[in-house]
């Protein structure tokens, strides 16, 4: 979208209408001592051709999947996006649409949201899914607060198998509550899965929810049903998150395994990686707790003539109801991102989702086997996995990444990364594959690692 600035004449005309002489007068309510007293230290303006060349030169400094072979995952995954998705998103009815407060002029957007909710609920195995949240991490934070509301308890237990950045977000959500030790960490076993003995020792009469990730951050598959059973025996809810929705093309949906609230990342379905965002949060729960669900819900009804109509059925946001009764302060859902996921799910269908998931699974296991046959490399965990896994490396994992990047290969995520704050994992590399990694890609990775 081109940016066309206002001319000086345009600015003076607008100032005249509102009755002031300069733009500075618009900011007179800001105390003078905190206003910037000098101009910004920015380069002079450029012509449009020069600016376009400058921006393109900056963009070429980024590494992307069109020029780099990447095995990164850990929350943002490289899956195929059908060409039709972007073309349909660019339709003016969707691309310029805002929050559908007025249903009489928002039927297309509302119907798309309704279809999105229906497919997400089916994918996650839950009764109800909302109109999407910002991303998986904030969705999990909202799920933790929802568990507290539903149980009227205060303590939340979270597995060390949950993405470290997700755990940080949940901690931010609950740290503002007036409860000491509101969030406690459940350690992992040597197999990289949630420790049942530690879980049972931490469960108490004040536990509101048990938060897990499946598949977890290290790729291991959790025994979700067993964890849910233990949570329910203590009167708590089981909350599950995920980072790649394609996993449920081959794994049992979490809602079918006893999970009460599912909140995870849907980016893999139709949303570009875009250097980490925007993303789209999938969120679902059972019918009995729907009134405690954050965000909003679109429903289908009929008008006086018997025609189908779509409306916002439930919006327990503080913009819509009294703040003390609101379930969240979420400003809006990721409407365009949710639509991208909706279109992708329609185009893939259950069979397409399963085929892509099986391809991801097979290629991950082939990659894992071949890497672990190399000298100095070994599996970190023996537990089953879907399309992500951790290997031990003969050199520090960050060193390997630094050496392969000039070759145009990102072999994975070093678990010693400062952003993860995981100690003692300097020789561990998290690797992810999807259906887009072909045999030549895997051969190239193996050859590079062998060198």
Protein backbone atom coordinates (compact mmCIF):
# COMPACT_ATOMS: atom_id res chain seq x y z
CA UNK A 1 0.00 0.00 0.00
CA UNK A 2 1.53 3.34 -1.09
CA UNK A 3 1.94 6.10 1.47
CA UNK A 4 0.81 9.50 0.15
CA UNK A 5 1.75 12.27 2.63
CA UNK A 6 -0.27 15.37 3.26
CA UNK A 7 0.93 18.52 1.52
CA UNK A 8 1.61 21.66 3.58
CA UNK A 9 -1.61 23.07 2.13
CA UNK A 10 -3.55 20.01 3.31
CA UNK A 11 -2.14 20.40 6.81
CA UNK A 12 -2.99 24.11 7.01
CA UNK A 13 -6.53 23.43 5.79
CA UNK A 14 -7.09 20.83 8.51
CA UNK A 15 -5.57 23.05 11.21
CA UNK A 16 -7.88 25.87 10.15
CA UNK A 17 -10.94 23.66 10.51
CA UNK A 18 -10.07 22.69 14.09
CA UNK A 19 -9.08 26.27 14.96
CA UNK A 20 -5.36 26.12 15.67
CA UNK A 21 -2.29 27.55 13.97
CA UNK A 22 0.25 24.72 14.14
CA UNK A 23 0.65 21.00 14.77
CA UNK A 24 2.61 21.83 17.92
CA UNK A 25 -0.59 23.16 19.46
CA UNK A 26 -2.04 19.65 19.26
CA UNK A 27 0.48 18.61 21.92
CA UNK A 28 0.13 21.56 24.29
CA UNK A 29 -1.37 19.31 26.98
CA UNK A 30 1.96 17.44 27.21
CA UNK A 31 4.25 19.15 29.79
CA UNK A 32 7.03 21.08 28.10
CA UNK A 33 9.77 19.45 30.17
CA UNK A 34 9.06 16.02 28.67
CA UNK A 35 8.67 17.19 25.09
CA UNK A 36 11.57 16.67 22.69
CA UNK A 37 13.23 20.06 22.25
CA UNK A 38 15.14 19.20 19.09
CA UNK A 39 14.54 17.44 15.82
CA UNK A 40 14.87 13.70 15.40
CA UNK A 41 18.29 12.44 14.36
CA UNK A 42 17.14 10.84 11.11
CA UNK A 43 18.52 11.06 7.57
CA UNK A 44 16.97 13.52 5.13
CA UNK A 45 14.05 12.44 2.98
CA UNK A 46 14.55 10.34 -0.16
CA UNK A 47 12.83 10.18 -3.49
CA UNK A 48 10.56 7.19 -3.92
CA UNK A 49 12.94 5.25 -6.23
CA UNK A 50 15.87 5.84 -3.86
CA UNK A 51 13.78 4.82 -0.87
CA UNK A 52 12.59 1.62 -2.55
CA UNK A 53 16.20 0.65 -3.37
CA UNK A 54 17.29 1.41 0.18
CA UNK A 55 14.52 -0.69 1.74
CA UNK A 56 15.20 -3.58 -0.64
CA UNK A 57 18.90 -3.49 0.27
CA UNK A 58 17.96 -3.70 3.94
CA UNK A 59 15.57 -6.58 3.27
CA UNK A 60 18.29 -8.56 1.50
CA UNK A 61 20.30 -8.59 4.73
CA UNK A 62 17.66 -10.91 6.21
CA UNK A 63 17.97 -14.64 5.82
CA UNK A 64 14.72 -16.30 4.73
CA UNK A 65 13.51 -19.67 3.49
CA UNK A 66 13.81 -18.63 -0.13
CA UNK A 67 17.61 -18.42 0.25
CA UNK A 68 18.35 -20.54 3.32
CA UNK A 69 17.71 -24.17 4.22
CA UNK A 70 16.31 -23.96 7.73
CA UNK A 71 15.40 -26.63 10.25
CA UNK A 72 14.13 -24.16 12.82
CA UNK A 73 10.79 -24.74 14.50
CA UNK A 74 10.19 -24.25 18.22
CA UNK A 75 7.03 -22.20 17.83
CA UNK A 76 7.03 -20.96 14.22
CA UNK A 77 6.93 -23.61 11.48
CA UNK A 78 7.47 -23.56 7.72
CA UNK A 79 4.48 -25.27 6.11
CA UNK A 80 3.12 -24.93 2.60
CA UNK A 81 0.59 -22.12 2.13
CA UNK A 82 -1.67 -22.60 -0.91
CA UNK A 83 -1.50 -19.68 -3.35
CA UNK A 84 -5.26 -19.20 -3.08
CA UNK A 85 -4.89 -18.08 0.54
CA UNK A 86 -3.14 -14.78 -0.19
CA UNK A 87 -5.40 -14.07 -3.17
CA UNK A 88 -8.55 -14.49 -1.10
CA UNK A 89 -7.14 -12.48 1.80
CA UNK A 90 -6.53 -9.56 -0.57
CA UNK A 91 -10.21 -9.25 -1.41
CA UNK A 92 -11.34 -5.85 -0.19
CA UNK A 93 -14.22 -7.30 1.84
CA UNK A 94 -11.70 -9.10 4.05
CA UNK A 95 -8.50 -7.09 3.74
CA UNK A 96 -10.03 -3.82 4.94
CA UNK A 97 -12.56 -5.31 7.36
CA UNK A 98 -12.49 -4.31 11.01
CA UNK A 99 -14.22 -5.75 14.06
CA UNK A 100 -17.71 -6.88 12.92
CA UNK A 101 -19.74 -4.95 15.48
CA UNK A 102 -22.50 -4.29 12.95
CA UNK A 103 -23.67 -7.72 11.76
CA UNK A 104 -25.91 -6.35 9.02
CA UNK A 105 -22.82 -5.22 7.06
CA UNK A 106 -20.36 -7.89 8.30
CA UNK A 107 -22.00 -11.17 7.33
CA UNK A 108 -19.05 -12.39 5.25
CA UNK A 109 -16.52 -11.75 8.01
CA UNK A 110 -18.80 -13.25 10.65
CA UNK A 111 -19.45 -16.37 8.60
CA UNK A 112 -15.70 -16.81 8.05
CA UNK A 113 -15.16 -16.54 11.83
CA UNK A 114 -17.94 -19.06 12.45
CA UNK A 115 -16.39 -21.54 10.01
CA UNK A 116 -12.97 -20.95 11.59
CA UNK A 117 -14.37 -21.72 15.04
CA UNK A 118 -16.05 -24.89 13.76
CA UNK A 119 -12.89 -26.27 12.20
CA UNK A 120 -10.67 -25.37 15.15
CA UNK A 121 -13.10 -27.07 17.54
CA UNK A 122 -13.01 -30.21 15.40
CA UNK A 123 -9.21 -30.12 15.11
CA UNK A 124 -8.72 -29.73 18.88
CA UNK A 125 -11.52 -32.10 19.88
CA UNK A 126 -13.41 -29.54 21.99
CA UNK A 127 -17.03 -28.36 22.12
CA UNK A 128 -16.33 -24.69 21.49
CA UNK A 129 -13.55 -22.61 19.94
CA UNK A 130 -13.42 -18.84 20.05
CA UNK A 131 -12.74 -16.36 17.25
CA UNK A 132 -8.96 -16.71 17.83
CA UNK A 133 -6.47 -15.01 20.11
CA UNK A 134 -3.23 -13.16 19.40
CA UNK A 135 -0.93 -16.19 19.51
CA UNK A 136 -0.25 -19.43 21.35
CA UNK A 137 1.71 -17.91 24.23
CA UNK A 138 -0.85 -15.28 25.23
CA UNK A 139 -3.57 -17.87 24.64
CA UNK A 140 -1.92 -20.10 27.24
CA UNK A 141 -1.72 -17.15 29.63
CA UNK A 142 -5.44 -16.56 29.18
CA UNK A 143 -6.08 -20.28 29.72
CA UNK A 144 -4.25 -20.15 33.06
CA UNK A 145 -6.47 -17.29 34.22
CA UNK A 146 -9.55 -19.09 32.91
CA UNK A 147 -8.66 -22.19 34.94
CA UNK A 148 -8.51 -20.01 38.05
CA UNK A 149 -11.94 -18.55 37.32
CA UNK A 150 -13.51 -21.94 36.60
CA UNK A 151 -12.18 -23.64 39.74
CA UNK A 152 -12.06 -20.61 42.07
CA UNK A 153 -8.56 -21.74 42.99
CA UNK A 154 -5.31 -19.81 42.77
CA UNK A 155 -2.33 -22.06 42.00
CA UNK A 156 -1.21 -23.03 38.50
CA UNK A 157 1.26 -25.84 37.74
CA UNK A 158 3.19 -25.70 34.47
CA UNK A 159 5.36 -28.40 32.94
CA UNK A 160 9.01 -27.71 32.15
CA UNK A 161 8.13 -29.21 28.75
CA UNK A 162 6.16 -26.07 27.87
CA UNK A 163 8.01 -23.67 25.53
CA UNK A 164 10.25 -21.46 27.77
CA UNK A 165 8.92 -18.30 26.15
CA UNK A 166 5.34 -19.48 26.71
CA UNK A 167 6.23 -20.07 30.35
CA UNK A 168 7.56 -16.52 30.57
CA UNK A 169 4.29 -15.16 29.19
CA UNK A 170 2.21 -17.23 31.63
CA UNK A 171 4.42 -16.00 34.46
CA UNK A 172 3.75 -12.42 33.37
CA UNK A 173 0.01 -13.06 33.42
CA UNK A 174 -0.13 -14.64 36.87
CA UNK A 175 2.63 -12.62 38.56
CA UNK A 176 0.31 -9.64 38.82
CA UNK A 177 -2.16 -11.64 40.91
CA UNK A 178 -2.28 -11.23 44.66
CA UNK A 179 -1.20 -14.82 45.27
CA UNK A 180 2.19 -16.05 46.43
CA UNK A 181 3.74 -18.86 44.39
CA UNK A 182 0.84 -18.71 41.94
CA UNK A 183 2.92 -20.55 39.31
CA UNK A 184 4.97 -23.67 40.06
CA UNK A 185 7.16 -25.67 37.67
CA UNK A 186 6.76 -29.42 37.13
CA UNK A 187 10.15 -30.96 36.22
CA UNK A 188 10.74 -33.44 33.41
CA UNK A 189 11.90 -37.04 33.50
CA UNK A 190 15.07 -38.19 31.78
CA UNK A 191 12.87 -39.01 28.78
CA UNK A 192 11.90 -35.38 28.33
CA UNK A 193 8.28 -35.75 29.49
CA UNK A 194 6.38 -34.40 32.48
CA UNK A 195 7.34 -36.16 35.73
CA UNK A 196 4.18 -37.80 37.16
CA UNK A 197 5.65 -38.22 40.65
CA UNK A 198 6.60 -34.56 40.82
CA UNK A 199 3.17 -33.59 39.50
CA UNK A 200 1.34 -35.57 42.17
CA UNK A 201 3.55 -34.06 44.88
CA UNK A 202 2.73 -30.53 43.69
CA UNK A 203 -1.04 -31.04 43.30
CA UNK A 204 -3.08 -29.62 46.16
CA UNK A 205 -6.58 -28.46 47.06
CA UNK A 206 -5.62 -25.03 45.71
CA UNK A 207 -4.45 -26.17 42.26
CA UNK A 208 -6.53 -24.55 39.54
CA UNK A 209 -4.86 -26.00 36.47
CA UNK A 210 -2.07 -28.18 35.15
CA UNK A 211 -0.49 -26.70 32.03
CA UNK A 212 1.34 -28.97 29.57
CA UNK A 213 2.48 -28.87 25.94
CA UNK A 214 1.83 -31.73 23.52
CA UNK A 215 4.04 -32.38 21.62
CA UNK A 216 6.22 -30.56 24.11
CA UNK A 217 8.95 -28.02 23.43
CA UNK A 218 11.62 -30.72 23.14
CA UNK A 219 9.45 -32.68 20.70
CA UNK A 220 8.48 -35.46 23.12
CA UNK A 221 4.91 -36.74 23.17
CA UNK A 222 3.25 -36.45 26.57
CA UNK A 223 0.85 -38.98 28.11
CA UNK A 224 -1.92 -36.41 28.03
CA UNK A 225 -4.71 -38.68 29.28
CA UNK A 226 -2.69 -39.71 32.36
CA UNK A 227 -1.86 -36.09 33.20
CA UNK A 228 -5.50 -35.03 32.74
CA UNK A 229 -6.65 -37.85 35.01
CA UNK A 230 -4.26 -36.78 37.77
CA UNK A 231 -5.35 -33.16 37.45
CA UNK A 232 -9.05 -34.08 37.60
CA UNK A 233 -8.52 -36.34 40.64
CA UNK A 234 -7.22 -33.25 42.44
CA UNK A 235 -10.15 -31.11 41.28
CA UNK A 236 -8.00 -29.14 38.83
CA UNK A 237 -8.35 -28.54 35.10
CA UNK A 238 -5.93 -29.84 32.49
CA UNK A 239 -4.74 -27.22 30.00
CA UNK A 240 -2.75 -28.20 26.91
CA UNK A 241 -0.86 -26.04 24.44
CA UNK A 242 0.91 -26.77 21.14
CA UNK A 243 3.04 -24.94 18.60
CA UNK A 244 2.31 -26.86 15.38
CA UNK A 245 -1.34 -27.70 14.61
CA UNK A 246 -0.26 -30.23 11.97
CA UNK A 247 0.53 -32.59 14.84
CA UNK A 248 -3.19 -33.29 15.19
CA UNK A 249 -3.27 -34.62 11.65
CA UNK A 250 -1.82 -37.83 13.13
CA UNK A 251 -2.15 -37.45 16.93
CA UNK A 252 -5.38 -37.78 18.92
CA UNK A 253 -6.97 -34.37 19.53
CA UNK A 254 -6.24 -33.12 23.08
CA UNK A 255 -9.93 -32.61 23.82
CA UNK A 256 -10.48 -36.35 23.27
CA UNK A 257 -7.80 -37.13 25.86
CA UNK A 258 -9.49 -35.33 28.74
CA UNK A 259 -8.01 -31.84 28.30
CA UNK A 260 -10.38 -29.12 29.52
CA UNK A 261 -8.83 -26.10 27.78
CA UNK A 262 -6.68 -26.15 24.65
CA UNK A 263 -4.72 -23.01 23.76
CA UNK A 264 -1.97 -23.11 21.16
CA UNK A 265 -0.40 -21.67 18.04
CA UNK A 266 -2.13 -22.03 14.67
CA UNK A 267 0.49 -20.24 12.55
CA UNK A 268 1.43 -23.38 10.61
CA UNK A 269 -2.01 -23.36 8.99
CA UNK A 270 -1.81 -20.61 6.42
CA UNK A 271 0.08 -17.85 8.24
CA UNK A 272 3.58 -16.93 6.97
CA UNK A 273 6.46 -17.07 9.44
CA UNK A 274 7.17 -13.36 8.83
CA UNK A 275 10.19 -13.28 11.15
CA UNK A 276 8.02 -14.30 14.09
CA UNK A 277 4.62 -12.71 13.62
CA UNK A 278 1.82 -11.81 13.47
CA UNK A 279 0.61 -15.21 14.61
CA UNK A 280 -2.82 -16.64 15.46
CA UNK A 281 -3.93 -18.29 18.68
CA UNK A 282 -6.29 -21.30 18.66
CA UNK A 283 -8.40 -21.56 21.82
CA UNK A 284 -11.10 -24.09 22.73
CA UNK A 285 -12.87 -25.55 25.75
CA UNK A 286 -15.90 -27.54 26.87
CA UNK A 287 -19.46 -26.23 26.74
CA UNK A 288 -19.79 -26.02 30.52
CA UNK A 289 -17.01 -23.43 30.85
CA UNK A 290 -17.74 -21.37 27.74
CA UNK A 291 -18.83 -18.30 29.74
CA UNK A 292 -15.37 -18.09 31.26
CA UNK A 293 -13.67 -18.23 27.85
CA UNK A 294 -11.71 -15.09 26.89
CA UNK A 295 -12.19 -13.19 23.66
CA UNK A 296 -15.38 -13.54 21.71
CA UNK A 297 -17.59 -16.07 19.99
CA UNK A 298 -19.51 -15.89 16.73
CA UNK A 299 -22.80 -17.76 16.47
CA UNK A 300 -25.29 -18.66 13.73
CA UNK A 301 -28.97 -17.84 13.97
CA UNK A 302 -31.90 -17.12 11.62
CA UNK A 303 -33.60 -13.82 10.87
CA UNK A 304 -37.37 -13.17 10.75
CA UNK A 305 -37.47 -14.55 7.21
CA UNK A 306 -35.73 -17.78 8.18
CA UNK A 307 -32.45 -16.84 6.51
CA UNK A 308 -29.16 -17.82 8.16
CA UNK A 309 -27.44 -14.96 9.94
CA UNK A 310 -24.21 -14.63 11.90
CA UNK A 311 -23.70 -12.51 15.02
CA UNK A 312 -21.24 -12.03 17.86
CA UNK A 313 -22.92 -14.28 20.40
CA UNK A 314 -20.59 -13.95 23.35
CA UNK A 315 -18.11 -11.14 23.94
CA UNK A 316 -17.01 -11.15 27.55
CA UNK A 317 -14.32 -8.55 26.88
CA UNK A 318 -14.02 -5.45 29.01
CA UNK A 319 -14.95 -3.33 25.97
CA UNK A 320 -18.39 -4.96 25.96
CA UNK A 321 -19.33 -5.58 29.57
CA UNK A 322 -18.47 -4.25 33.02
CA UNK A 323 -14.76 -4.52 33.62
CA UNK A 324 -15.10 -6.47 36.86
CA UNK A 325 -17.09 -9.15 35.01
CA UNK A 326 -14.89 -9.31 31.91
CA UNK A 327 -12.85 -12.43 31.19
CA UNK A 328 -10.08 -10.54 29.38
CA UNK A 329 -9.00 -7.20 27.96
CA UNK A 330 -8.15 -8.64 24.55
CA UNK A 331 -8.69 -5.81 22.09
CA UNK A 332 -9.60 -7.89 19.05
CA UNK A 333 -8.97 -11.27 17.52
CA UNK A 334 -6.43 -11.85 14.74
CA UNK A 335 -9.19 -11.65 12.14
CA UNK A 336 -7.10 -11.71 8.98
CA UNK A 337 -4.78 -14.40 10.37
CA UNK A 338 -7.76 -16.49 11.47
CA UNK A 339 -9.19 -16.16 7.96
CA UNK A 340 -5.90 -17.39 6.48
CA UNK A 341 -6.06 -20.45 8.74
CA UNK A 342 -9.71 -20.98 7.86
CA UNK A 343 -9.03 -20.94 4.11
CA UNK A 344 -6.04 -23.26 4.52
CA UNK A 345 -8.04 -25.78 6.54
CA UNK A 346 -10.77 -25.77 3.90
CA UNK A 347 -8.27 -26.31 1.07
CA UNK A 348 -6.38 -29.06 2.90
CA UNK A 349 -9.34 -30.88 4.39
CA UNK A 350 -8.80 -33.71 6.90
CA UNK A 351 -7.04 -35.91 4.33
CA UNK A 352 -4.63 -33.19 3.22
CA UNK A 353 -3.80 -32.31 6.81
CA UNK A 354 -3.08 -35.96 7.59
CA UNK A 355 -0.91 -36.44 4.50
CA UNK A 356 1.19 -33.36 5.31
CA UNK A 357 1.49 -34.46 8.93
CA UNK A 358 2.63 -37.95 7.95
CA UNK A 359 5.23 -36.47 5.60
CA UNK A 360 6.53 -34.24 8.42
CA UNK A 361 6.64 -37.25 10.74
CA UNK A 362 8.51 -39.53 8.32
CA UNK A 363 11.05 -36.90 7.33
CA UNK A 364 11.71 -35.97 10.95
CA UNK A 365 12.38 -39.59 11.89
CA UNK A 366 14.56 -40.13 8.84
CA UNK A 367 16.55 -37.00 9.71
CA UNK A 368 16.85 -38.05 13.36
CA UNK A 369 18.11 -41.52 12.46
CA UNK A 370 20.72 -40.26 9.99
CA UNK A 371 22.04 -37.53 12.29
CA UNK A 372 22.41 -39.95 15.18
CA UNK A 373 24.49 -42.24 12.93
CA UNK A 374 27.11 -39.48 12.56
CA UNK A 375 30.19 -39.54 14.78
CA UNK A 376 29.69 -37.53 17.95
CA UNK A 377 25.94 -37.08 17.54
CA UNK A 378 23.37 -38.90 19.69
CA UNK A 379 19.68 -38.70 20.59
CA UNK A 380 18.95 -36.62 23.68
CA UNK A 381 15.69 -38.42 24.46
CA UNK A 382 14.35 -41.85 23.55
CA UNK A 383 10.69 -40.85 23.83
CA UNK A 384 8.38 -40.76 20.78
CA UNK A 385 8.19 -37.48 18.84
CA UNK A 386 6.24 -35.96 15.96
CA UNK A 387 8.38 -33.61 13.84
CA UNK A 388 10.79 -32.03 16.35
CA UNK A 389 13.59 -33.64 18.29
CA UNK A 390 16.75 -32.85 20.25
CA UNK A 391 20.20 -34.28 19.49
CA UNK A 392 23.45 -34.10 21.42
CA UNK A 393 26.24 -32.49 19.42
CA UNK A 394 30.02 -33.13 19.49
CA UNK A 395 30.69 -29.38 19.56
CA UNK A 396 28.62 -26.63 21.19
CA UNK A 397 25.39 -26.37 19.19
CA UNK A 398 25.84 -22.63 18.70
CA UNK A 399 29.27 -23.28 17.13
CA UNK A 400 27.70 -25.69 14.65
CA UNK A 401 25.00 -23.17 13.75
CA UNK A 402 27.61 -20.43 13.28
CA UNK A 403 29.70 -22.68 11.00
CA UNK A 404 26.77 -23.83 8.82
CA UNK A 405 25.05 -20.47 8.39
CA UNK A 406 27.61 -19.23 5.81
CA UNK A 407 26.73 -22.36 3.82
CA UNK A 408 23.09 -21.26 3.77
CA UNK A 409 21.97 -23.84 6.33
CA UNK A 410 20.33 -23.27 9.71
CA UNK A 411 20.48 -26.75 11.28
CA UNK A 412 18.19 -25.98 14.20
CA UNK A 413 17.88 -24.04 17.44
CA UNK A 414 20.71 -24.23 20.00
CA UNK A 415 19.10 -24.87 23.38
CA UNK A 416 21.79 -22.68 24.93
CA UNK A 417 20.15 -19.66 23.30
CA UNK A 418 19.95 -16.80 25.79
CA UNK A 419 16.30 -16.22 24.97
CA UNK A 420 15.43 -19.71 26.26
CA UNK A 421 17.31 -19.40 29.56
CA UNK A 422 18.00 -23.16 29.70
CA UNK A 423 21.18 -24.07 31.56
CA UNK A 424 23.47 -27.03 30.84
CA UNK A 425 22.29 -27.53 27.26
CA UNK A 426 25.26 -26.15 25.32
CA UNK A 427 25.62 -29.39 23.34
CA UNK A 428 21.94 -29.80 22.43
CA UNK A 429 20.26 -28.83 19.16
CA UNK A 430 16.48 -28.71 18.57
CA UNK A 431 15.66 -29.70 14.98
CA UNK A 432 12.33 -29.46 13.16
CA UNK A 433 11.16 -30.76 9.80
CA UNK A 434 7.93 -30.30 7.86
CA UNK A 435 6.47 -31.64 4.63
CA UNK A 436 8.53 -28.98 2.79
CA UNK A 437 11.85 -30.63 3.64
CA UNK A 438 12.58 -33.08 0.83
CA UNK A 439 15.23 -35.80 0.60
CA UNK A 440 17.76 -33.45 -1.02
CA UNK A 441 17.34 -31.01 1.89
CA UNK A 442 17.97 -33.76 4.41
CA UNK A 443 20.98 -35.03 2.43
CA UNK A 444 22.42 -31.52 2.42
CA UNK A 445 21.98 -31.17 6.19
CA UNK A 446 23.57 -34.54 6.90
CA UNK A 447 26.52 -33.79 4.63
CA UNK A 448 27.06 -30.42 6.33
CA UNK A 449 26.88 -31.90 9.82
CA UNK A 450 29.24 -34.71 8.83
CA UNK A 451 31.77 -32.08 7.76
